[in-house]
């Protein structure tokens, strides 16, 4: 029996050291994000974006939005994209074999007609059925491509092949962009002198319960339902703290597939989005970085803390579980594909810090937490738990989680302050109290199911059911 106690003690010590390292990374990320966010806001105050918007010398941009069965929201979303003021802009909607009336809605609303159009096949894709353009000059920026279903990555690759401009912004079609989103996204590309900016990301916010009129967000509201509200807090932490810190270190591995800008030349040179993973957004960024590292070319991946893009978050545990299942599988597949970089000094900070962090804390985190919990249950029944030590440690962990959430909310209030009512801030604070006992365990369990799908070699995407945005102010 002594050997069992020894093993349990070793496991407990390992989890304790792991937790200390994770806490240290969170503190480090929080401190770094403060400096980077303040730096960006200071620079942003003296930038006249009107000059960029109207300049013929501003970078040419193509927005690519894949759509599959998005009939509920597609007209509002496309209207939002077309309302963006930017001199050299093209909007490509890729209908990825939708089974609903998405394409017909677009044809009717925007007076589309099928045209003869040559699409370069720089990246291999599924066959294209047709290319549509509007008979009205009002919608001259709009191009709609109808293709056989091949998944999101394949749809984006068709858009990249079709894009006539130097930079592509890939978004989810259900997203609502701020009017100045494109201006702020292209600015880093214009500033890249000593280092080539190959990709740039923007903050994603939750639009549930907010009001959308004619494709524009007219009133920001904190989500009424628990799950979207919890995801609001989660997104604030991830985007305003985590990704800003990694951006400052130039170690960012992920730009959200919901909203990211890329240098089209580098994307094509890397072969476009991969259909071999359900995490095509992360995999492309890692592959682009690896491409630049192996050629010893100076480059940068940037991130913008402005809330530029609003999206609809899952409202049910079923849909949320599918999403997180897919996210963890995408992380695993990406890290596996690029395992050559793991602690490889050839790749600099990318190989020595970014990759190991994602491996140990983002991918392995749910596994360690799950088996740690199972070990704890066994220890309880075996009578091995020293409650005088365990309860204070649990209090420290829960308190740290809460303080980190409080810090993230504080940063949001001091910077962009999207939720201006004090009651909204209070609701966010109260919501964070339940996270360790409800939301987080569910995310861990969903991630574990994702790993089981990896073992079973299930490559499913999982339907994301949309409910649509609120249209009127009540």
Protein backbone atom coordinates (compact mmCIF):
# COMPACT_ATOMS: atom_id res chain seq x y z
CA UNK A 1 0.00 0.00 0.00
CA UNK A 2 2.96 2.34 0.59
CA UNK A 3 3.80 2.37 -3.12
CA UNK A 4 0.27 3.55 -3.91
CA UNK A 5 0.67 6.44 -1.46
CA UNK A 6 4.03 7.29 -3.04
CA UNK A 7 2.52 7.40 -6.53
CA UNK A 8 -0.36 9.58 -5.34
CA UNK A 9 2.06 11.97 -3.65
CA UNK A 10 4.20 12.20 -6.80
CA UNK A 11 1.10 12.91 -8.91
CA UNK A 12 -0.06 15.53 -6.43
CA UNK A 13 3.38 17.20 -6.47
CA UNK A 14 3.36 17.19 -10.28
CA UNK A 15 -0.06 18.84 -10.45
CA UNK A 16 1.04 21.39 -7.84
CA UNK A 17 4.14 22.36 -9.86
CA UNK A 18 2.05 22.47 -13.05
CA UNK A 19 -0.45 24.78 -11.34
CA UNK A 20 2.32 27.10 -10.13
CA UNK A 21 3.73 27.37 -13.65
CA UNK A 22 0.26 28.07 -15.05
CA UNK A 23 -0.34 30.77 -12.44
CA UNK A 24 3.03 32.33 -13.29
CA UNK A 25 2.16 32.40 -17.01
CA UNK A 26 -1.20 34.04 -16.30
CA UNK A 27 0.43 36.76 -14.19
CA UNK A 28 3.09 37.27 -16.87
CA UNK A 29 0.46 37.49 -19.62
CA UNK A 30 -1.63 39.94 -17.59
CA UNK A 31 1.32 42.28 -16.97
CA UNK A 32 2.51 42.18 -20.59
CA UNK A 33 -0.99 42.83 -21.94
CA UNK A 34 -1.28 46.07 -19.93
CA UNK A 35 1.75 47.58 -21.67
CA UNK A 36 0.75 46.43 -25.14
CA UNK A 37 -2.85 47.64 -24.82
CA UNK A 38 -1.79 51.04 -23.46
CA UNK A 39 0.77 51.37 -26.25
CA UNK A 40 -1.82 50.62 -28.91
CA UNK A 41 -4.40 53.02 -27.46
CA UNK A 42 -1.83 55.83 -27.28
CA UNK A 43 -0.81 55.32 -30.92
CA UNK A 44 -4.44 55.00 -31.99
CA UNK A 45 -5.33 58.41 -30.53
CA UNK A 46 -3.12 60.22 -33.07
CA UNK A 47 -4.14 58.18 -36.14
CA UNK A 48 -6.53 59.78 -38.62
CA UNK A 49 -8.27 56.77 -40.15
CA UNK A 50 -10.19 58.96 -42.57
CA UNK A 51 -6.97 59.38 -44.55
CA UNK A 52 -6.57 55.61 -44.87
CA UNK A 53 -10.24 55.12 -45.78
CA UNK A 54 -10.15 57.45 -48.76
CA UNK A 55 -6.56 56.96 -49.92
CA UNK A 56 -5.92 55.26 -53.26
CA UNK A 57 -2.56 54.17 -51.81
CA UNK A 58 -4.09 52.23 -48.93
CA UNK A 59 -3.68 48.44 -49.16
CA UNK A 60 -6.22 46.70 -51.37
CA UNK A 61 -8.39 44.32 -49.34
CA UNK A 62 -10.69 41.41 -50.13
CA UNK A 63 -13.11 40.19 -47.46
CA UNK A 64 -13.86 36.47 -47.78
CA UNK A 65 -16.85 35.01 -45.95
CA UNK A 66 -17.76 31.32 -46.37
CA UNK A 67 -21.42 30.49 -45.86
CA UNK A 68 -23.11 27.16 -45.23
CA UNK A 69 -26.84 27.14 -44.39
CA UNK A 70 -26.73 30.72 -43.08
CA UNK A 71 -30.12 31.73 -44.46
CA UNK A 72 -31.31 33.06 -41.11
CA UNK A 73 -28.75 35.88 -40.94
CA UNK A 74 -26.94 36.05 -44.28
CA UNK A 75 -28.69 39.15 -45.70
CA UNK A 76 -28.02 41.25 -42.59
CA UNK A 77 -24.44 40.05 -42.47
CA UNK A 78 -23.70 40.78 -46.12
CA UNK A 79 -25.37 44.17 -45.77
CA UNK A 80 -22.99 44.87 -42.89
CA UNK A 81 -19.97 44.01 -45.03
CA UNK A 82 -21.14 46.13 -47.95
CA UNK A 83 -21.72 49.13 -45.69
CA UNK A 84 -18.03 49.34 -44.76
CA UNK A 85 -16.38 52.45 -46.18
CA UNK A 86 -13.00 51.65 -47.70
CA UNK A 87 -11.65 52.81 -51.05
CA UNK A 88 -10.23 49.57 -52.44
CA UNK A 89 -12.49 46.82 -51.11
CA UNK A 90 -13.90 43.62 -52.53
CA UNK A 91 -16.41 41.36 -50.73
CA UNK A 92 -16.53 37.66 -51.67
CA UNK A 93 -19.25 35.41 -50.27
CA UNK A 94 -18.57 31.72 -50.85
CA UNK A 95 -21.71 29.57 -50.74
CA UNK A 96 -20.28 26.22 -49.71
CA UNK A 97 -23.03 23.98 -51.08
CA UNK A 98 -25.72 25.25 -48.71
CA UNK A 99 -28.87 23.14 -48.50
CA UNK A 100 -31.08 26.05 -47.45
CA UNK A 101 -32.08 29.16 -49.41
CA UNK A 102 -28.93 31.18 -48.66
CA UNK A 103 -27.90 31.53 -52.31
CA UNK A 104 -31.40 32.36 -53.53
CA UNK A 105 -31.77 35.05 -50.87
CA UNK A 106 -28.53 36.64 -52.06
CA UNK A 107 -29.61 36.46 -55.72
CA UNK A 108 -32.97 38.09 -54.98
CA UNK A 109 -31.73 40.76 -52.57
CA UNK A 110 -28.64 41.89 -54.49
CA UNK A 111 -29.89 41.38 -58.06
CA UNK A 112 -27.23 38.82 -58.84
CA UNK A 113 -26.68 37.15 -62.17
CA UNK A 114 -24.32 34.38 -63.16
CA UNK A 115 -21.21 35.57 -65.01
CA UNK A 116 -18.33 33.98 -66.86
CA UNK A 117 -15.36 34.42 -64.61
CA UNK A 118 -11.91 32.77 -64.61
CA UNK A 119 -10.74 31.64 -61.18
CA UNK A 120 -6.99 30.91 -60.87
CA UNK A 121 -6.40 27.52 -59.25
CA UNK A 122 -3.36 28.50 -57.22
CA UNK A 123 -4.77 26.43 -54.34
CA UNK A 124 -6.59 23.15 -55.17
CA UNK A 125 -10.30 23.24 -54.23
CA UNK A 126 -13.64 21.58 -54.87
CA UNK A 127 -15.34 22.53 -58.18
CA UNK A 128 -17.01 25.93 -58.50
CA UNK A 129 -20.58 25.87 -59.84
CA UNK A 130 -20.86 29.55 -60.64
CA UNK A 131 -19.76 33.12 -59.97
CA UNK A 132 -22.41 35.81 -59.44
CA UNK A 133 -22.20 39.60 -59.65
CA UNK A 134 -24.89 42.23 -59.24
CA UNK A 135 -26.61 44.04 -62.07
CA UNK A 136 -26.69 47.11 -59.81
CA UNK A 137 -23.62 49.34 -59.54
CA UNK A 138 -24.55 49.91 -55.89
CA UNK A 139 -23.35 46.38 -55.13
CA UNK A 140 -20.34 46.37 -57.47
CA UNK A 141 -18.02 45.32 -54.60
CA UNK A 142 -19.94 42.08 -54.09
CA UNK A 143 -18.95 38.73 -55.62
CA UNK A 144 -20.83 35.52 -54.74
CA UNK A 145 -19.31 32.14 -55.51
CA UNK A 146 -21.38 28.96 -55.50
CA UNK A 147 -19.38 25.77 -55.07
CA UNK A 148 -19.65 22.14 -54.09
CA UNK A 149 -19.53 21.54 -50.36
CA UNK A 150 -15.98 21.06 -49.16
CA UNK A 151 -15.88 22.59 -45.71
CA UNK A 152 -14.81 25.97 -44.40
CA UNK A 153 -11.13 25.64 -45.34
CA UNK A 154 -11.97 24.72 -48.93
CA UNK A 155 -14.45 27.61 -49.20
CA UNK A 156 -11.86 30.08 -47.94
CA UNK A 157 -9.32 28.74 -50.44
CA UNK A 158 -11.78 29.35 -53.30
CA UNK A 159 -12.14 32.92 -52.07
CA UNK A 160 -8.37 33.36 -51.89
CA UNK A 161 -8.02 32.06 -55.45
CA UNK A 162 -10.69 34.52 -56.58
CA UNK A 163 -9.43 37.52 -54.58
CA UNK A 164 -8.03 40.29 -56.75
CA UNK A 165 -6.44 42.29 -53.93
CA UNK A 166 -3.15 42.07 -52.00
CA UNK A 167 -4.61 41.31 -48.57
CA UNK A 168 -7.46 39.02 -47.57
CA UNK A 169 -9.64 39.30 -44.49
CA UNK A 170 -11.28 35.99 -43.67
CA UNK A 171 -14.37 36.14 -41.49
CA UNK A 172 -17.37 34.07 -40.48
CA UNK A 173 -20.37 35.26 -42.45
CA UNK A 174 -22.46 35.55 -39.28
CA UNK A 175 -20.13 38.26 -37.91
CA UNK A 176 -20.99 41.95 -37.70
CA UNK A 177 -18.02 44.25 -38.33
CA UNK A 178 -17.53 47.73 -36.91
CA UNK A 179 -17.39 50.47 -39.55
CA UNK A 180 -13.69 51.14 -38.93
CA UNK A 181 -12.69 47.47 -38.64
CA UNK A 182 -10.92 47.26 -42.01
CA UNK A 183 -9.06 50.53 -41.41
CA UNK A 184 -7.64 49.32 -38.12
CA UNK A 185 -6.81 45.88 -39.51
CA UNK A 186 -4.75 47.18 -42.45
CA UNK A 187 -2.79 49.72 -40.40
CA UNK A 188 -0.22 47.14 -39.12
CA UNK A 189 0.48 46.03 -42.70
CA UNK A 190 1.21 49.65 -43.66
CA UNK A 191 3.56 50.07 -40.71
CA UNK A 192 5.62 46.92 -41.38
CA UNK A 193 9.01 48.22 -42.52
CA UNK A 194 11.82 46.20 -40.93
CA UNK A 195 9.48 43.23 -40.41
CA UNK A 196 6.89 41.99 -42.85
CA UNK A 197 3.47 41.74 -41.22
CA UNK A 198 2.03 38.45 -42.50
CA UNK A 199 -1.15 38.34 -40.42
CA UNK A 200 -3.21 40.46 -38.08
CA UNK A 201 -6.12 39.60 -35.82
CA UNK A 202 -8.86 41.58 -34.14
CA UNK A 203 -10.89 41.20 -30.98
CA UNK A 204 -14.11 39.18 -31.23
CA UNK A 205 -17.03 40.12 -28.99
CA UNK A 206 -20.35 38.41 -28.26
CA UNK A 207 -23.40 40.00 -29.91
CA UNK A 208 -26.14 37.92 -28.25
CA UNK A 209 -28.93 40.22 -26.94
CA UNK A 210 -27.38 43.22 -28.74
CA UNK A 211 -29.46 45.01 -31.36
CA UNK A 212 -28.63 44.80 -35.07
CA UNK A 213 -30.38 46.99 -37.65
CA UNK A 214 -29.66 46.87 -41.39
CA UNK A 215 -26.53 44.82 -40.78
CA UNK A 216 -25.05 47.19 -38.20
CA UNK A 217 -24.72 46.87 -34.45
CA UNK A 218 -26.71 49.80 -33.02
CA UNK A 219 -26.91 48.88 -29.34
CA UNK A 220 -24.46 46.79 -27.33
CA UNK A 221 -26.05 44.73 -24.59
CA UNK A 222 -24.65 42.20 -22.18
CA UNK A 223 -26.11 38.79 -23.11
CA UNK A 224 -29.20 37.93 -21.09
CA UNK A 225 -28.54 34.18 -21.04
CA UNK A 226 -25.93 32.56 -18.83
CA UNK A 227 -23.84 30.72 -21.45
CA UNK A 228 -23.35 33.69 -23.83
CA UNK A 229 -22.62 35.92 -20.80
CA UNK A 230 -20.01 33.46 -19.57
CA UNK A 231 -18.46 33.38 -23.03
CA UNK A 232 -18.39 37.18 -23.03
CA UNK A 233 -16.16 37.08 -19.97
CA UNK A 234 -14.09 34.29 -21.49
CA UNK A 235 -13.55 36.27 -24.70
CA UNK A 236 -12.52 39.40 -22.78
CA UNK A 237 -9.85 37.39 -20.97
CA UNK A 238 -8.65 35.60 -24.09
CA UNK A 239 -8.53 38.55 -26.48
CA UNK A 240 -7.83 41.60 -24.31
CA UNK A 241 -5.25 39.84 -22.13
CA UNK A 242 -3.93 36.62 -23.66
CA UNK A 243 -3.55 37.45 -27.32
CA UNK A 244 -2.36 41.00 -26.73
CA UNK A 245 0.46 39.64 -24.58
CA UNK A 246 1.51 37.07 -27.18
CA UNK A 247 1.30 39.75 -29.86
CA UNK A 248 3.79 41.90 -27.98
CA UNK A 249 6.17 38.94 -27.71
CA UNK A 250 5.56 38.14 -31.41
CA UNK A 251 4.68 34.63 -30.33
CA UNK A 252 1.02 34.49 -31.34
CA UNK A 253 -0.05 31.10 -32.74
CA UNK A 254 -3.73 31.74 -33.25
CA UNK A 255 -5.83 34.33 -35.03
CA UNK A 256 -9.53 33.62 -34.70
CA UNK A 257 -11.13 32.21 -37.81
CA UNK A 258 -13.99 34.60 -37.19
CA UNK A 259 -11.87 37.63 -38.13
CA UNK A 260 -8.30 37.67 -39.40
CA UNK A 261 -6.29 39.54 -42.06
CA UNK A 262 -3.50 37.92 -44.07
CA UNK A 263 -0.86 38.75 -46.64
CA UNK A 264 -2.28 36.89 -49.65
CA UNK A 265 1.12 36.24 -51.22
CA UNK A 266 2.34 34.37 -48.13
CA UNK A 267 -0.95 32.48 -47.77
CA UNK A 268 -0.71 31.18 -51.35
CA UNK A 269 2.99 30.37 -50.95
CA UNK A 270 2.05 28.23 -47.92
CA UNK A 271 -0.71 26.42 -49.80
CA UNK A 272 -3.74 28.13 -48.24
CA UNK A 273 -5.98 26.68 -45.56
CA UNK A 274 -5.61 22.99 -44.77
CA UNK A 275 -8.62 20.67 -45.02
CA UNK A 276 -6.79 18.08 -42.90
CA UNK A 277 -7.73 19.79 -39.64
CA UNK A 278 -10.86 21.25 -38.07
CA UNK A 279 -8.63 24.02 -36.67
CA UNK A 280 -7.73 25.52 -40.04
CA UNK A 281 -7.39 29.05 -38.62
CA UNK A 282 -4.67 28.14 -36.11
CA UNK A 283 -2.92 25.75 -38.49
CA UNK A 284 -2.57 28.40 -41.20
CA UNK A 285 -1.00 30.92 -38.82
CA UNK A 286 1.46 28.32 -37.51
CA UNK A 287 2.33 27.22 -41.06
CA UNK A 288 2.85 30.83 -42.20
CA UNK A 289 5.11 31.49 -39.23
CA UNK A 290 7.04 28.30 -39.85
CA UNK A 291 7.42 29.28 -43.52
CA UNK A 292 8.96 32.64 -42.56
CA UNK A 293 11.16 31.14 -39.85
CA UNK A 294 12.61 28.52 -42.17
CA UNK A 295 13.48 31.21 -44.72
CA UNK A 296 15.01 33.44 -42.04
CA UNK A 297 12.82 36.34 -43.13
CA UNK A 298 11.88 38.95 -40.49
CA UNK A 299 8.14 38.95 -39.93
CA UNK A 300 5.44 39.75 -37.42
CA UNK A 301 1.94 38.60 -36.47
CA UNK A 302 -0.01 41.41 -34.80
CA UNK A 303 -3.18 41.74 -32.78
CA UNK A 304 -5.57 44.65 -32.30
CA UNK A 305 -7.42 45.12 -28.96
CA UNK A 306 -10.30 47.13 -30.46
CA UNK A 307 -13.66 45.30 -30.41
CA UNK A 308 -13.92 45.14 -34.21
CA UNK A 309 -16.06 42.08 -34.82
CA UNK A 310 -19.25 40.83 -33.15
CA UNK A 311 -20.51 37.28 -33.40
CA UNK A 312 -23.30 35.09 -32.08
CA UNK A 313 -22.19 32.70 -29.32
CA UNK A 314 -23.73 29.27 -28.66
CA UNK A 315 -26.70 29.43 -26.29
CA UNK A 316 -27.04 25.72 -25.53
CA UNK A 317 -24.64 23.30 -23.87
CA UNK A 318 -25.04 20.95 -26.83
CA UNK A 319 -23.80 23.46 -29.41
CA UNK A 320 -21.14 24.88 -27.07
CA UNK A 321 -19.87 21.36 -26.44
CA UNK A 322 -19.52 20.73 -30.18
CA UNK A 323 -17.59 23.98 -30.57
CA UNK A 324 -15.10 23.23 -27.79
CA UNK A 325 -14.79 19.62 -28.93
CA UNK A 326 -13.74 20.96 -32.33
CA UNK A 327 -11.37 23.56 -30.88
CA UNK A 328 -9.35 21.03 -28.89
CA UNK A 329 -9.18 18.66 -31.87
CA UNK A 330 -7.96 21.54 -34.04
CA UNK A 331 -5.27 22.38 -31.48
CA UNK A 332 -4.12 18.75 -31.31
CA UNK A 333 -4.04 18.37 -35.10
CA UNK A 334 -2.10 21.62 -35.58
CA UNK A 335 0.50 20.81 -32.94
CA UNK A 336 0.89 17.31 -34.33
CA UNK A 337 1.40 18.58 -37.88
CA UNK A 338 4.08 21.01 -36.70
CA UNK A 339 5.67 18.92 -33.93
CA UNK A 340 9.08 19.54 -35.51
CA UNK A 341 9.07 22.95 -33.82
CA UNK A 342 8.66 21.57 -30.28
CA UNK A 343 11.59 22.96 -28.25
CA UNK A 344 13.51 23.44 -31.51
CA UNK A 345 15.84 26.49 -31.19
CA UNK A 346 15.82 26.83 -34.98
CA UNK A 347 12.37 28.39 -34.65
CA UNK A 348 13.36 30.87 -31.94
CA UNK A 349 10.62 32.03 -29.58
CA UNK A 350 8.07 30.15 -31.68
CA UNK A 351 9.70 26.80 -30.94
CA UNK A 352 11.03 27.49 -27.46
CA UNK A 353 8.07 29.28 -25.84
CA UNK A 354 4.90 29.58 -27.96
CA UNK A 355 4.64 25.94 -29.05
CA UNK A 356 5.52 24.51 -25.58
CA UNK A 357 2.98 26.82 -23.92
CA UNK A 358 0.21 25.69 -26.26
CA UNK A 359 1.23 22.07 -25.84
CA UNK A 360 1.41 21.97 -22.04
CA UNK A 361 -1.27 24.48 -21.06
CA UNK A 362 -3.76 24.79 -23.93
CA UNK A 363 -3.80 21.21 -25.21
CA UNK A 364 -2.70 19.16 -22.18
CA UNK A 365 -4.53 21.37 -19.67
CA UNK A 366 -7.94 19.64 -19.97
CA UNK A 367 -6.32 16.19 -19.77
CA UNK A 368 -4.38 17.07 -16.63
CA UNK A 369 -7.43 18.66 -15.03
CA UNK A 370 -9.68 15.72 -15.87
CA UNK A 371 -7.34 13.04 -14.56
CA UNK A 372 -6.47 15.24 -11.60
CA UNK A 373 -10.15 15.34 -10.70
CA UNK A 374 -10.51 11.58 -11.15
CA UNK A 375 -7.46 11.02 -8.95
CA UNK A 376 -8.97 13.30 -6.32
CA UNK A 377 -12.21 11.29 -6.32
CA UNK A 378 -10.25 8.07 -5.82
CA UNK A 379 -8.23 9.68 -3.01
CA UNK A 380 -11.42 10.80 -1.27
CA UNK A 381 -12.85 7.27 -1.25
CA UNK A 382 -9.48 5.83 -0.21
CA UNK A 383 -9.18 8.34 2.63
CA UNK A 384 -5.91 9.84 1.37
CA UNK A 385 -7.04 13.49 1.27
CA UNK A 386 -5.62 15.85 3.86
CA UNK A 387 -8.53 18.29 4.05
CA UNK A 388 -6.58 20.82 6.11
CA UNK A 389 -4.24 21.27 3.14
CA UNK A 390 -6.70 20.67 0.31
CA UNK A 391 -9.36 23.23 1.27
CA UNK A 392 -6.93 26.20 1.56
CA UNK A 393 -5.36 25.19 -1.80
CA UNK A 394 -8.81 25.02 -3.40
CA UNK A 395 -9.62 28.47 -2.00
CA UNK A 396 -6.38 29.86 -3.48
CA UNK A 397 -7.13 28.39 -6.94
CA UNK A 398 -10.72 29.63 -7.00
CA UNK A 399 -9.66 33.06 -5.71
CA UNK A 400 -6.93 33.37 -8.35
CA UNK A 401 -9.42 32.48 -11.09
CA UNK A 402 -11.85 35.09 -9.79
CA UNK A 403 -9.16 37.79 -9.44
CA UNK A 404 -7.97 37.15 -13.00
CA UNK A 405 -11.55 37.59 -14.23
CA UNK A 406 -11.91 40.77 -12.16
CA UNK A 407 -8.67 42.07 -13.68
CA UNK A 408 -9.93 41.32 -17.20
CA UNK A 409 -13.22 43.13 -16.51
CA UNK A 410 -11.27 46.06 -15.07
CA UNK A 411 -9.16 46.25 -18.25
CA UNK A 412 -12.31 46.21 -20.35
CA UNK A 413 -13.87 49.05 -18.32
CA UNK A 414 -10.68 51.15 -18.42
CA UNK A 415 -10.17 50.68 -22.16
CA UNK A 416 -13.19 50.16 -24.42
CA UNK A 417 -15.99 49.95 -21.84
CA UNK A 418 -18.55 48.32 -24.12
CA UNK A 419 -20.89 47.54 -21.23
CA UNK A 420 -21.47 50.94 -19.71
CA UNK A 421 -24.17 50.12 -17.17
CA UNK A 422 -22.91 49.32 -13.69
CA UNK A 423 -25.43 46.50 -13.50
CA UNK A 424 -23.75 44.85 -16.51
CA UNK A 425 -20.35 44.95 -14.83
CA UNK A 426 -21.90 43.53 -11.68
CA UNK A 427 -23.51 40.70 -13.69
CA UNK A 428 -20.16 39.86 -15.26
CA UNK A 429 -18.52 39.75 -11.83
CA UNK A 430 -21.27 37.52 -10.46
CA UNK A 431 -21.12 35.28 -13.52
CA UNK A 432 -17.41 34.68 -12.95
CA UNK A 433 -18.14 33.25 -9.49
CA UNK A 434 -19.88 30.24 -10.98
CA UNK A 435 -17.26 29.49 -13.64
CA UNK A 436 -15.06 27.04 -11.65
CA UNK A 437 -18.09 24.96 -10.64
CA UNK A 438 -20.20 24.98 -13.81
CA UNK A 439 -18.84 26.44 -17.04
CA UNK A 440 -15.19 25.38 -16.75
CA UNK A 441 -15.86 21.72 -15.84
CA UNK A 442 -18.18 21.51 -18.86
CA UNK A 443 -15.43 22.91 -21.12
CA UNK A 444 -12.96 20.35 -19.74
CA UNK A 445 -15.45 17.52 -20.33
CA UNK A 446 -16.15 18.74 -23.90
CA UNK A 447 -12.39 18.84 -24.54
CA UNK A 448 -12.02 15.29 -23.26
CA UNK A 449 -14.74 14.17 -25.68
CA UNK A 450 -12.71 15.92 -28.37
CA UNK A 451 -9.67 13.80 -27.49
CA UNK A 452 -11.86 10.69 -27.63
CA UNK A 453 -12.89 11.74 -31.14
CA UNK A 454 -9.21 12.04 -32.02
CA UNK A 455 -8.61 8.47 -30.80
CA UNK A 456 -11.66 7.27 -32.76
CA UNK A 457 -10.48 9.30 -35.79
CA UNK A 458 -13.74 11.21 -36.05
CA UNK A 459 -13.26 14.32 -38.19
CA UNK A 460 -16.72 15.86 -37.81
CA UNK A 461 -17.30 19.62 -37.71
CA UNK A 462 -20.56 19.79 -35.73
CA UNK A 463 -23.45 22.05 -36.72
CA UNK A 464 -23.49 25.54 -35.20
CA UNK A 465 -27.17 26.46 -34.85
CA UNK A 466 -27.86 30.19 -35.24
CA UNK A 467 -30.76 32.02 -33.65
CA UNK A 468 -30.20 35.36 -35.34
CA UNK A 469 -29.72 38.84 -33.90
CA UNK A 470 -32.31 41.08 -32.28
CA UNK A 471 -33.66 43.52 -34.84
CA UNK A 472 -35.51 46.06 -32.72
CA UNK A 473 -34.84 47.93 -29.53
CA UNK A 474 -37.24 46.97 -26.80
